[in-house]
Amino acid sequence: MTKVVQLAQLALNDVPRVLRAIADHIDSGEYGTVVAGVVSLECDTGVLEIFDAGASDRYRALALITGTQQVLTQRCYGVLAATD
């Protein structure tokens, strides 16, 4: 199941705060047991930093990114609504 989570309490342009909030939600068990994750950061230098964690190998990381791309594309075209 795919779920798009909006962190309504936060300004999404505050990247460090958003990442800390996600970590807090993971630590509290809100998402169950998180087994893999991928984070991509676009830096003001033009560099794209990509981090993978957990049971994530390159193929799983690619699957996570591809799935994310599909969900965000659907949201951009109004097919999938965000979940609070």
Protein backbone atom coordinates (compact mmCIF):
# COMPACT_ATOMS: atom_id res chain seq x y z
CA MET A 1 0.00 0.00 0.00
CA THR A 2 1.25 3.47 -0.85
CA LYS A 3 0.42 6.40 1.37
CA VAL A 4 1.38 10.03 0.82
CA VAL A 5 1.79 11.71 4.20
CA GLN A 6 1.49 15.45 4.65
CA LEU A 7 3.28 16.89 7.66
CA ALA A 8 0.69 19.64 8.15
CA GLN A 9 2.35 21.12 11.22
CA LEU A 10 5.55 21.99 9.36
CA ALA A 11 6.67 24.40 6.68
CA LEU A 12 7.96 21.99 4.05
CA ASN A 13 10.71 24.44 3.04
CA ASP A 14 12.40 23.77 6.42
CA VAL A 15 14.15 20.59 5.28
CA PRO A 16 16.03 19.79 8.51
CA ARG A 17 12.88 20.16 10.57
CA VAL A 18 10.89 17.94 8.20
CA LEU A 19 13.58 15.24 8.30
CA ARG A 20 13.63 15.38 12.11
CA ALA A 21 9.84 15.07 12.22
CA ILE A 22 9.96 12.04 9.91
CA ALA A 23 12.61 10.45 12.17
CA ASP A 24 10.45 11.17 15.23
CA HIS A 25 7.46 9.47 13.57
CA ILE A 26 9.61 6.47 12.68
CA ASP A 27 10.97 6.27 16.24
CA SER A 28 7.44 6.40 17.68
CA GLY A 29 6.37 3.47 15.48
CA GLU A 30 3.75 5.53 13.64
CA TYR A 31 4.71 3.87 10.34
CA GLY A 32 5.19 0.40 11.79
CA THR A 33 8.66 -1.04 11.39
CA VAL A 34 10.45 0.86 8.65
CA VAL A 35 12.77 -1.56 6.84
CA ALA A 36 14.17 0.62 4.05
CA GLY A 37 14.29 4.23 3.00
CA VAL A 38 15.71 6.58 0.43
CA VAL A 39 16.17 10.32 0.84
CA SER A 40 17.23 12.64 -1.94
CA LEU A 41 18.36 16.18 -1.26
CA GLU A 42 18.89 18.92 -3.82
CA CYS A 43 21.59 21.28 -2.58
CA ASP A 44 21.99 24.93 -3.55
CA THR A 45 25.26 23.94 -5.22
CA GLY A 46 23.30 21.91 -7.78
CA VAL A 47 24.43 18.61 -6.25
CA LEU A 48 21.85 15.86 -5.71
CA GLU A 49 22.66 13.85 -2.57
CA ILE A 50 20.97 10.44 -2.31
CA PHE A 51 20.97 8.38 0.88
CA ASP A 52 19.64 4.87 1.34
CA ALA A 53 19.13 3.16 4.67
CA GLY A 54 18.04 -0.10 6.19
CA ALA A 55 17.63 -3.16 4.02
CA SER A 56 18.03 -1.01 0.94
CA ASP A 57 20.33 -2.21 -1.79
CA ARG A 58 20.58 -0.41 -5.13
CA TYR A 59 17.67 -2.36 -6.61
CA ARG A 60 15.39 -1.74 -3.65
CA ALA A 61 16.42 1.94 -3.59
CA LEU A 62 15.55 2.19 -7.28
CA ALA A 63 12.18 0.54 -6.65
CA LEU A 64 11.46 3.00 -3.82
CA ILE A 65 12.38 5.98 -6.00
CA THR A 66 10.38 4.65 -8.96
CA GLY A 67 7.33 4.06 -6.77
CA THR A 68 7.66 7.54 -5.31
CA GLN A 69 7.89 9.03 -8.80
CA GLN A 70 4.72 7.23 -9.86
CA VAL A 71 2.75 8.39 -6.81
CA LEU A 72 3.92 12.00 -7.11
CA THR A 73 3.11 12.01 -10.82
CA GLN A 74 -0.40 10.77 -10.06
CA ARG A 75 -0.79 13.48 -7.41
CA CYS A 76 0.36 16.17 -9.84
CA TYR A 77 -2.41 15.14 -12.22
CA GLY A 78 -5.04 14.87 -9.48
CA VAL A 79 -5.36 11.08 -9.55
CA LEU A 80 -4.24 10.47 -5.95
CA ALA A 81 -5.13 12.62 -2.95
CA ALA A 82 -2.81 13.23 -0.01
CA THR A 83 -3.53 11.44 3.25
CA ASP A 84 -3.46 13.40 6.52
